[in-house]
Amino acid sequence: MTPSFLLGLLPPADFAARVEAFRERLGLRESAPHVTVKARSGLDADLAWAPLARAALAASSPVTLEVGGARAFRNGSAVYLAVHSPGAVALHVRLLDALEPAERFGYEGPNMTPHLTLALRRRGVNLQTVLEAAQAEFGGLDEKPSTFTCPEVWLMRKPGPGGLYRPEEAWPLGQS
């Protein structure tokens, strides 16, 4: 099995624990809570791209995330917590420019939607039920978002199909 990689911003441990407890109550199995700043396109298993990514990150400032309430993508692919972060979008674009992936996903680019996935559409998962539970659990974030600053981006690794992304290594921001 070939692993796949992404680059993500991690919430503080207490916030991540809240997300994991919510998922556990609903029997959801998902990747570690994160906000993706570079999806797997162009992030080959040989990690030849890593020095370019690390240089782009070192030349970037820490990123502030403002996490709001639960939403669902219109295409029905996921339920997520809304994230407002011009810094995350700028970092995403900087990584695209640095890495120049041969192919990009349609959601990559300056109009990407930063988010923290709560649940993906999978067999046996009713996303409408998840959305309703998430709106109840995280509804207060619409009125009072949780704000935190990320000083690093995490290399996240999924061992292969059916696996989950887990943080593997922190790469600092603003270390140029």
N, C-alpha and C. Protein backbone atom coordinates (compact mmCIF):
# COMPACT_ATOMS: atom_id res chain seq x y z
N MET A 1 0.84 -1.19 0.00
CA MET A 1 0.00 0.00 0.00
C MET A 1 0.88 1.25 0.00
N THR A 2 0.52 2.19 -0.82
CA THR A 2 1.25 3.44 -0.89
C THR A 2 0.60 4.46 0.03
N PRO A 3 1.39 5.09 0.88
CA PRO A 3 0.81 6.11 1.75
C PRO A 3 0.47 7.37 0.95
N SER A 4 -0.41 8.18 1.50
CA SER A 4 -0.68 9.49 0.93
C SER A 4 -0.48 10.53 2.03
N PHE A 5 -0.24 11.76 1.59
CA PHE A 5 0.11 12.84 2.50
C PHE A 5 -0.76 14.06 2.24
N LEU A 6 -0.90 14.88 3.26
CA LEU A 6 -1.47 16.21 3.14
C LEU A 6 -0.78 17.08 4.17
N LEU A 7 -0.97 18.39 4.04
CA LEU A 7 -0.42 19.35 4.99
C LEU A 7 -1.61 20.02 5.68
N GLY A 8 -1.57 20.04 7.02
CA GLY A 8 -2.71 20.57 7.75
C GLY A 8 -2.32 21.36 8.98
N LEU A 9 -3.25 22.19 9.40
CA LEU A 9 -3.14 22.96 10.64
C LEU A 9 -3.95 22.24 11.70
N LEU A 10 -3.36 22.03 12.86
CA LEU A 10 -4.06 21.31 13.93
C LEU A 10 -4.63 22.29 14.95
N PRO A 11 -5.85 22.01 15.41
CA PRO A 11 -6.41 22.83 16.49
C PRO A 11 -5.71 22.49 17.80
N PRO A 12 -5.88 23.34 18.81
CA PRO A 12 -5.32 23.02 20.13
C PRO A 12 -5.88 21.69 20.64
N ALA A 13 -5.14 21.05 21.54
CA ALA A 13 -5.50 19.71 22.03
C ALA A 13 -6.91 19.67 22.63
N ASP A 14 -7.30 20.70 23.38
CA ASP A 14 -8.63 20.66 24.00
C ASP A 14 -9.74 20.72 22.95
N PHE A 15 -9.54 21.50 21.91
CA PHE A 15 -10.54 21.60 20.84
C PHE A 15 -10.59 20.28 20.06
N ALA A 16 -9.41 19.72 19.75
CA ALA A 16 -9.35 18.44 19.04
C ALA A 16 -10.05 17.35 19.86
N ALA A 17 -9.87 17.36 21.18
CA ALA A 17 -10.51 16.37 22.05
C ALA A 17 -12.03 16.52 22.00
N ARG A 18 -12.51 17.74 21.91
CA ARG A 18 -13.96 17.98 21.81
C ARG A 18 -14.50 17.38 20.51
N VAL A 19 -13.77 17.58 19.41
CA VAL A 19 -14.17 17.02 18.11
C VAL A 19 -14.15 15.49 18.18
N GLU A 20 -13.09 14.92 18.74
CA GLU A 20 -12.97 13.46 18.83
C GLU A 20 -14.08 12.88 19.71
N ALA A 21 -14.42 13.55 20.82
CA ALA A 21 -15.50 13.06 21.69
C ALA A 21 -16.84 13.08 20.96
N PHE A 22 -17.08 14.13 20.17
CA PHE A 22 -18.30 14.21 19.37
C PHE A 22 -18.36 13.04 18.39
N ARG A 23 -17.27 12.81 17.68
CA ARG A 23 -17.22 11.71 16.71
C ARG A 23 -17.45 10.36 17.40
N GLU A 24 -16.82 10.18 18.54
CA GLU A 24 -16.94 8.91 19.26
C GLU A 24 -18.39 8.65 19.67
N ARG A 25 -19.08 9.69 20.16
CA ARG A 25 -20.48 9.54 20.55
C ARG A 25 -21.34 9.06 19.38
N LEU A 26 -20.98 9.49 18.16
CA LEU A 26 -21.76 9.12 16.97
C LEU A 26 -21.20 7.89 16.26
N GLY A 27 -20.13 7.32 16.78
CA GLY A 27 -19.53 6.14 16.16
C GLY A 27 -18.82 6.44 14.85
N LEU A 28 -18.28 7.64 14.72
CA LEU A 28 -17.60 8.05 13.49
C LEU A 28 -16.11 7.75 13.57
N ARG A 29 -15.55 7.28 12.49
CA ARG A 29 -14.12 7.00 12.38
C ARG A 29 -13.55 7.94 11.32
N GLU A 30 -12.76 8.92 11.75
CA GLU A 30 -12.24 9.94 10.84
C GLU A 30 -10.77 10.25 11.14
N SER A 31 -10.15 10.96 10.22
CA SER A 31 -8.76 11.42 10.41
C SER A 31 -8.68 12.37 11.59
N ALA A 32 -7.48 12.55 12.10
CA ALA A 32 -7.26 13.49 13.21
C ALA A 32 -7.81 14.87 12.82
N PRO A 33 -8.42 15.59 13.76
CA PRO A 33 -8.96 16.92 13.45
C PRO A 33 -7.86 17.84 12.90
N HIS A 34 -8.16 18.46 11.75
CA HIS A 34 -7.19 19.35 11.10
C HIS A 34 -7.90 20.23 10.07
N VAL A 35 -7.20 21.27 9.66
CA VAL A 35 -7.64 22.12 8.55
C VAL A 35 -6.59 21.96 7.46
N THR A 36 -6.98 21.39 6.34
CA THR A 36 -6.04 21.13 5.25
C THR A 36 -5.60 22.44 4.60
N VAL A 37 -4.29 22.61 4.43
CA VAL A 37 -3.78 23.75 3.65
C VAL A 37 -3.17 23.27 2.33
N LYS A 38 -2.91 21.98 2.21
CA LYS A 38 -2.50 21.40 0.93
C LYS A 38 -2.96 19.96 0.90
N ALA A 39 -3.90 19.69 -0.03
CA ALA A 39 -4.40 18.34 -0.22
C ALA A 39 -3.33 17.48 -0.90
N ARG A 40 -3.62 16.23 -1.07
CA ARG A 40 -2.62 15.26 -1.51
C ARG A 40 -2.13 15.41 -2.95
N SER A 41 -2.79 16.20 -3.78
CA SER A 41 -2.33 16.32 -5.17
C SER A 41 -0.89 16.84 -5.21
N GLY A 42 -0.03 16.09 -5.88
CA GLY A 42 1.37 16.47 -6.00
C GLY A 42 2.23 16.10 -4.81
N LEU A 43 1.65 15.56 -3.76
CA LEU A 43 2.41 15.18 -2.57
C LEU A 43 2.73 13.69 -2.64
N ASP A 44 3.66 13.35 -3.51
CA ASP A 44 4.00 11.96 -3.76
C ASP A 44 4.69 11.31 -2.56
N ALA A 45 4.61 9.98 -2.51
CA ALA A 45 5.15 9.22 -1.40
C ALA A 45 6.67 9.32 -1.27
N ASP A 46 7.36 9.72 -2.35
CA ASP A 46 8.83 9.85 -2.28
C ASP A 46 9.28 11.08 -1.50
N LEU A 47 8.34 11.96 -1.19
CA LEU A 47 8.59 13.20 -0.43
C LEU A 47 9.60 14.14 -1.10
N ALA A 48 9.80 14.00 -2.40
CA ALA A 48 10.71 14.90 -3.12
C ALA A 48 10.23 16.35 -3.05
N TRP A 49 8.97 16.55 -2.83
CA TRP A 49 8.35 17.88 -2.75
C TRP A 49 8.58 18.53 -1.37
N ALA A 50 8.96 17.76 -0.38
CA ALA A 50 9.04 18.25 1.00
C ALA A 50 9.96 19.46 1.17
N PRO A 51 11.17 19.50 0.59
CA PRO A 51 12.01 20.69 0.77
C PRO A 51 11.36 21.98 0.24
N LEU A 52 10.66 21.88 -0.88
CA LEU A 52 9.96 23.05 -1.43
C LEU A 52 8.84 23.50 -0.48
N ALA A 53 8.10 22.54 0.03
CA ALA A 53 7.01 22.87 0.96
C ALA A 53 7.56 23.49 2.24
N ARG A 54 8.61 22.90 2.77
CA ARG A 54 9.20 23.42 4.02
C ARG A 54 9.73 24.84 3.82
N ALA A 55 10.31 25.12 2.67
CA ALA A 55 10.81 26.47 2.39
C ALA A 55 9.65 27.47 2.31
N ALA A 56 8.57 27.08 1.66
CA ALA A 56 7.40 27.96 1.56
C ALA A 56 6.81 28.22 2.94
N LEU A 57 6.78 27.21 3.78
CA LEU A 57 6.24 27.37 5.13
C LEU A 57 7.14 28.25 5.98
N ALA A 58 8.44 28.07 5.84
CA ALA A 58 9.39 28.88 6.62
C ALA A 58 9.29 30.35 6.28
N ALA A 59 8.86 30.65 5.05
CA ALA A 59 8.72 32.03 4.61
C ALA A 59 7.32 32.60 4.90
N SER A 60 6.49 31.84 5.60
CA SER A 60 5.11 32.23 5.89
C SER A 60 4.94 32.51 7.37
N SER A 61 4.01 33.37 7.68
CA SER A 61 3.70 33.71 9.08
C SER A 61 2.78 32.67 9.69
N PRO A 62 2.77 32.57 11.03
CA PRO A 62 1.78 31.72 11.69
C PRO A 62 0.37 32.10 11.22
N VAL A 63 -0.53 31.13 11.26
CA VAL A 63 -1.88 31.28 10.69
C VAL A 63 -2.92 31.28 11.80
N THR A 64 -3.80 32.27 11.77
CA THR A 64 -4.91 32.35 12.72
C THR A 64 -6.16 31.74 12.09
N LEU A 65 -6.82 30.87 12.84
CA LEU A 65 -8.06 30.24 12.41
C LEU A 65 -9.19 30.69 13.32
N GLU A 66 -10.33 30.97 12.72
CA GLU A 66 -11.55 31.29 13.46
C GLU A 66 -12.55 30.20 13.10
N VAL A 67 -12.82 29.32 14.06
CA VAL A 67 -13.67 28.16 13.80
C VAL A 67 -15.10 28.45 14.25
N GLY A 68 -16.03 28.29 13.30
CA GLY A 68 -17.43 28.55 13.56
C GLY A 68 -18.23 27.26 13.61
N GLY A 69 -19.53 27.39 13.41
CA GLY A 69 -20.45 26.27 13.56
C GLY A 69 -20.43 25.28 12.42
N ALA A 70 -21.28 24.26 12.57
CA ALA A 70 -21.33 23.14 11.64
C ALA A 70 -22.08 23.50 10.36
N ARG A 71 -21.58 22.93 9.26
CA ARG A 71 -22.15 23.10 7.93
C ARG A 71 -22.02 21.77 7.18
N ALA A 72 -22.66 21.70 6.03
CA ALA A 72 -22.49 20.54 5.13
C ALA A 72 -22.19 21.08 3.75
N PHE A 73 -21.28 20.42 3.05
CA PHE A 73 -21.02 20.81 1.67
C PHE A 73 -22.25 20.49 0.83
N ARG A 74 -22.53 21.35 -0.15
CA ARG A 74 -23.72 21.18 -0.99
C ARG A 74 -23.73 19.86 -1.73
N ASN A 75 -22.55 19.37 -2.07
CA ASN A 75 -22.48 18.10 -2.81
C ASN A 75 -22.68 16.89 -1.90
N GLY A 76 -22.88 17.12 -0.61
CA GLY A 76 -23.14 16.04 0.33
C GLY A 76 -21.93 15.20 0.68
N SER A 77 -20.73 15.74 0.49
CA SER A 77 -19.52 14.95 0.73
C SER A 77 -19.07 14.93 2.18
N ALA A 78 -19.48 15.96 2.97
CA ALA A 78 -18.98 16.03 4.35
C ALA A 78 -19.78 17.01 5.18
N VAL A 79 -19.70 16.80 6.49
CA VAL A 79 -20.15 17.76 7.49
C VAL A 79 -18.88 18.30 8.13
N TYR A 80 -18.84 19.60 8.34
CA TYR A 80 -17.60 20.23 8.80
C TYR A 80 -17.89 21.43 9.69
N LEU A 81 -16.85 21.91 10.36
CA LEU A 81 -16.92 23.18 11.08
C LEU A 81 -16.35 24.24 10.15
N ALA A 82 -17.10 25.33 10.01
CA ALA A 82 -16.66 26.42 9.14
C ALA A 82 -15.40 27.06 9.72
N VAL A 83 -14.48 27.42 8.85
CA VAL A 83 -13.25 28.08 9.28
C VAL A 83 -13.07 29.34 8.45
N HIS A 84 -12.93 30.45 9.14
CA HIS A 84 -12.60 31.71 8.48
C HIS A 84 -11.11 31.97 8.72
N SER A 85 -10.34 32.04 7.63
CA SER A 85 -8.91 32.24 7.79
C SER A 85 -8.28 32.69 6.48
N PRO A 86 -8.20 34.02 6.25
CA PRO A 86 -7.48 34.48 5.06
C PRO A 86 -6.04 33.97 5.04
N GLY A 87 -5.43 33.80 6.22
CA GLY A 87 -4.07 33.30 6.30
C GLY A 87 -3.94 31.87 5.80
N ALA A 88 -4.92 31.03 6.11
CA ALA A 88 -4.89 29.64 5.63
C ALA A 88 -5.03 29.58 4.12
N VAL A 89 -5.89 30.43 3.56
CA VAL A 89 -6.06 30.48 2.11
C VAL A 89 -4.77 30.97 1.46
N ALA A 90 -4.17 32.02 2.01
CA ALA A 90 -2.91 32.55 1.46
C ALA A 90 -1.81 31.50 1.53
N LEU A 91 -1.75 30.76 2.62
CA LEU A 91 -0.74 29.71 2.75
C LEU A 91 -0.99 28.60 1.73
N HIS A 92 -2.23 28.24 1.54
CA HIS A 92 -2.61 27.23 0.55
C HIS A 92 -2.12 27.66 -0.85
N VAL A 93 -2.39 28.89 -1.21
CA VAL A 93 -1.97 29.40 -2.53
C VAL A 93 -0.45 29.42 -2.63
N ARG A 94 0.22 29.81 -1.56
CA ARG A 94 1.69 29.83 -1.56
C ARG A 94 2.24 28.42 -1.78
N LEU A 95 1.63 27.44 -1.15
CA LEU A 95 2.08 26.05 -1.33
C LEU A 95 1.82 25.57 -2.76
N LEU A 96 0.67 25.92 -3.33
CA LEU A 96 0.40 25.56 -4.72
C LEU A 96 1.44 26.17 -5.65
N ASP A 97 1.76 27.45 -5.42
CA ASP A 97 2.76 28.13 -6.25
C ASP A 97 4.14 27.48 -6.10
N ALA A 98 4.49 27.10 -4.90
CA ALA A 98 5.82 26.51 -4.65
C ALA A 98 5.93 25.09 -5.21
N LEU A 99 4.86 24.31 -5.08
CA LEU A 99 4.92 22.90 -5.45
C LEU A 99 4.54 22.64 -6.91
N GLU A 100 3.76 23.54 -7.48
CA GLU A 100 3.30 23.41 -8.87
C GLU A 100 2.88 21.98 -9.21
N PRO A 101 1.88 21.44 -8.49
CA PRO A 101 1.46 20.06 -8.78
C PRO A 101 0.98 19.93 -10.22
N ALA A 102 1.31 18.79 -10.85
CA ALA A 102 0.92 18.55 -12.24
C ALA A 102 -0.60 18.54 -12.38
N GLU A 103 -1.28 18.05 -11.38
CA GLU A 103 -2.75 18.06 -11.36
C GLU A 103 -3.20 18.62 -10.02
N ARG A 104 -4.35 19.34 -10.07
CA ARG A 104 -4.91 19.90 -8.85
C ARG A 104 -6.36 19.47 -8.75
N PHE A 105 -6.82 19.37 -7.52
CA PHE A 105 -8.23 19.09 -7.30
C PHE A 105 -9.02 20.37 -7.60
N GLY A 106 -10.27 20.20 -8.00
CA GLY A 106 -11.11 21.34 -8.35
C GLY A 106 -11.31 22.33 -7.22
N TYR A 107 -11.21 21.88 -5.99
CA TYR A 107 -11.41 22.76 -4.84
C TYR A 107 -10.13 23.47 -4.42
N GLU A 108 -9.00 23.19 -5.08
CA GLU A 108 -7.75 23.86 -4.74
C GLU A 108 -7.67 25.20 -5.47
N GLY A 109 -7.02 26.16 -4.84
CA GLY A 109 -6.85 27.48 -5.43
C GLY A 109 -7.34 28.56 -4.49
N PRO A 110 -7.35 29.80 -4.97
CA PRO A 110 -7.66 30.94 -4.10
C PRO A 110 -9.08 30.94 -3.54
N ASN A 111 -9.97 30.13 -4.11
CA ASN A 111 -11.34 30.08 -3.61
C ASN A 111 -11.60 28.84 -2.75
N MET A 112 -10.53 28.21 -2.28
CA MET A 112 -10.71 27.03 -1.43
C MET A 112 -11.50 27.40 -0.18
N THR A 113 -12.18 26.42 0.40
CA THR A 113 -12.99 26.62 1.59
C THR A 113 -12.30 25.99 2.79
N PRO A 114 -11.62 26.78 3.62
CA PRO A 114 -11.01 26.18 4.81
C PRO A 114 -12.11 25.59 5.70
N HIS A 115 -11.85 24.41 6.24
CA HIS A 115 -12.84 23.74 7.09
C HIS A 115 -12.17 22.67 7.93
N LEU A 116 -12.87 22.26 8.97
CA LEU A 116 -12.43 21.17 9.81
C LEU A 116 -13.49 20.08 9.70
N THR A 117 -13.16 19.01 9.02
CA THR A 117 -14.12 17.94 8.75
C THR A 117 -14.52 17.23 10.04
N LEU A 118 -15.83 17.07 10.21
CA LEU A 118 -16.36 16.27 11.31
C LEU A 118 -16.65 14.85 10.84
N ALA A 119 -17.21 14.72 9.64
CA ALA A 119 -17.55 13.40 9.09
C ALA A 119 -17.61 13.47 7.58
N LEU A 120 -17.07 12.45 6.94
CA LEU A 120 -17.15 12.29 5.49
C LEU A 120 -18.32 11.37 5.14
N ARG A 121 -18.83 11.52 3.93
CA ARG A 121 -19.88 10.62 3.45
C ARG A 121 -19.26 9.23 3.28
N ARG A 122 -19.78 8.29 4.03
CA ARG A 122 -19.32 6.90 3.97
C ARG A 122 -20.54 6.00 4.14
N ARG A 123 -20.36 4.76 3.76
CA ARG A 123 -21.43 3.78 3.95
C ARG A 123 -21.78 3.71 5.44
N GLY A 124 -23.07 3.76 5.73
CA GLY A 124 -23.52 3.65 7.11
C GLY A 124 -23.53 4.96 7.89
N VAL A 125 -23.11 6.07 7.27
CA VAL A 125 -23.08 7.36 7.95
C VAL A 125 -24.19 8.24 7.37
N ASN A 126 -25.12 8.64 8.21
CA ASN A 126 -26.19 9.53 7.79
C ASN A 126 -25.74 10.96 8.08
N LEU A 127 -25.32 11.66 7.03
CA LEU A 127 -24.76 13.00 7.24
C LEU A 127 -25.80 14.00 7.74
N GLN A 128 -27.07 13.79 7.44
CA GLN A 128 -28.09 14.70 7.97
C GLN A 128 -28.16 14.58 9.50
N THR A 129 -28.09 13.36 9.99
CA THR A 129 -28.08 13.13 11.44
C THR A 129 -26.83 13.74 12.06
N VAL A 130 -25.69 13.55 11.39
CA VAL A 130 -24.43 14.12 11.89
C VAL A 130 -24.53 15.65 11.91
N LEU A 131 -25.07 16.24 10.85
CA LEU A 131 -25.19 17.70 10.79
C LEU A 131 -26.05 18.22 11.94
N GLU A 132 -27.18 17.58 12.17
CA GLU A 132 -28.07 18.03 13.25
C GLU A 132 -27.39 17.92 14.61
N ALA A 133 -26.69 16.82 14.84
CA ALA A 133 -25.97 16.65 16.10
C ALA A 133 -24.84 17.68 16.23
N ALA A 134 -24.16 17.94 15.13
CA ALA A 134 -23.05 18.91 15.14
C ALA A 134 -23.56 20.32 15.38
N GLN A 135 -24.71 20.65 14.80
CA GLN A 135 -25.27 21.99 15.02
C GLN A 135 -25.66 22.17 16.48
N ALA A 136 -26.13 21.11 17.11
CA ALA A 136 -26.45 21.18 18.54
C ALA A 136 -25.17 21.28 19.37
N GLU A 137 -24.18 20.45 19.04
CA GLU A 137 -22.93 20.40 19.80
C GLU A 137 -22.09 21.67 19.64
N PHE A 138 -22.00 22.17 18.42
CA PHE A 138 -21.08 23.27 18.13
C PHE A 138 -21.79 24.57 17.78
N GLY A 139 -23.10 24.65 18.04
CA GLY A 139 -23.89 25.82 17.68
C GLY A 139 -23.37 27.12 18.27
N GLY A 140 -22.81 27.08 19.45
CA GLY A 140 -22.29 28.28 20.09
C GLY A 140 -21.15 28.92 19.31
N LEU A 141 -20.50 28.14 18.45
CA LEU A 141 -19.37 28.68 17.68
C LEU A 141 -19.82 29.66 16.60
N ASP A 142 -21.11 29.63 16.23
CA ASP A 142 -21.58 30.62 15.27
C ASP A 142 -21.61 32.01 15.90
N GLU A 143 -22.01 32.08 17.17
CA GLU A 143 -22.06 33.36 17.86
C GLU A 143 -20.69 33.77 18.40
N LYS A 144 -19.94 32.79 18.87
CA LYS A 144 -18.62 33.06 19.46
C LYS A 144 -17.62 32.03 18.93
N PRO A 145 -17.03 32.33 17.77
CA PRO A 145 -16.08 31.37 17.18
C PRO A 145 -14.88 31.13 18.10
N SER A 146 -14.30 29.96 17.94
CA SER A 146 -13.07 29.62 18.64
C SER A 146 -11.91 30.08 17.75
N THR A 147 -11.03 30.91 18.31
CA THR A 147 -9.93 31.46 17.53
C THR A 147 -8.61 30.99 18.11
N PHE A 148 -7.73 30.52 17.24
CA PHE A 148 -6.40 30.12 17.68
C PHE A 148 -5.41 30.33 16.55
N THR A 149 -4.15 30.45 16.93
CA THR A 149 -3.08 30.68 15.97
C THR A 149 -2.20 29.44 15.91
N CYS A 150 -1.90 29.02 14.70
CA CYS A 150 -1.08 27.82 14.46
C CYS A 150 0.33 28.25 14.07
N PRO A 151 1.34 27.87 14.86
CA PRO A 151 2.72 28.23 14.56
C PRO A 151 3.42 27.24 13.63
N GLU A 152 2.71 26.18 13.25
CA GLU A 152 3.31 25.13 12.43
C GLU A 152 2.26 24.48 11.56
N VAL A 153 2.73 23.82 10.53
CA VAL A 153 1.90 22.99 9.67
C VAL A 153 2.36 21.56 9.87
N TRP A 154 1.41 20.65 9.91
CA TRP A 154 1.73 19.25 10.14
C TRP A 154 1.70 18.45 8.85
N LEU A 155 2.74 17.65 8.65
CA LEU A 155 2.74 16.64 7.61
C LEU A 155 1.85 15.53 8.15
N MET A 156 0.80 15.21 7.41
CA MET A 156 -0.13 14.17 7.84
C MET A 156 -0.05 13.02 6.84
N ARG A 157 -0.06 11.82 7.38
CA ARG A 157 0.14 10.62 6.57
C ARG A 157 -1.02 9.66 6.75
N LYS A 158 -1.47 9.12 5.63
CA LYS A 158 -2.47 8.05 5.63
C LYS A 158 -1.77 6.82 5.05
N PRO A 159 -1.78 5.68 5.75
CA PRO A 159 -1.00 4.53 5.31
C PRO A 159 -1.46 3.91 3.99
N GLY A 160 -2.71 4.10 3.62
CA GLY A 160 -3.23 3.53 2.38
C GLY A 160 -4.74 3.60 2.38
N PRO A 161 -5.37 3.02 1.37
CA PRO A 161 -6.84 3.04 1.28
C PRO A 161 -7.48 2.52 2.56
N GLY A 162 -8.49 3.22 3.01
CA GLY A 162 -9.18 2.83 4.23
C GLY A 162 -8.52 3.34 5.50
N GLY A 163 -7.31 3.88 5.35
CA GLY A 163 -6.61 4.43 6.51
C GLY A 163 -7.08 5.83 6.82
N LEU A 164 -6.54 6.37 7.89
CA LEU A 164 -6.88 7.73 8.32
C LEU A 164 -5.62 8.57 8.38
N TYR A 165 -5.76 9.85 8.08
CA TYR A 165 -4.62 10.76 8.20
C TYR A 165 -4.30 11.01 9.67
N ARG A 166 -3.03 10.89 10.00
CA ARG A 166 -2.55 11.15 11.35
C ARG A 166 -1.35 12.09 11.26
N PRO A 167 -1.20 12.99 12.23
CA PRO A 167 -0.04 13.89 12.22
C PRO A 167 1.25 13.09 12.35
N GLU A 168 2.22 13.45 11.52
CA GLU A 168 3.49 12.73 11.54
C GLU A 168 4.65 13.63 11.95
N GLU A 169 4.67 14.86 11.44
CA GLU A 169 5.80 15.75 11.73
C GLU A 169 5.36 17.21 11.61
N ALA A 170 5.77 18.02 12.58
CA ALA A 170 5.45 19.46 12.56
C ALA A 170 6.53 20.22 11.79
N TRP A 171 6.08 21.08 10.88
CA TRP A 171 6.99 21.94 10.12
C TRP A 171 6.68 23.37 10.50
N PRO A 172 7.64 24.10 11.08
CA PRO A 172 7.37 25.44 11.59
C PRO A 172 7.09 26.47 10.49
N LEU A 173 6.23 27.40 10.86
CA LEU A 173 5.96 28.57 10.01
C LEU A 173 6.84 29.72 10.50
N GLY A 174 7.19 30.61 9.58
CA GLY A 174 7.91 31.82 9.95
C GLY A 174 9.31 31.60 10.47
N GLN A 175 9.98 30.59 9.95
CA GLN A 175 11.34 30.29 10.40
C GLN A 175 12.39 30.67 9.37
N SER A 176 12.08 31.64 8.51
CA SER A 176 13.04 32.00 7.47
C SER A 176 14.14 32.88 8.01
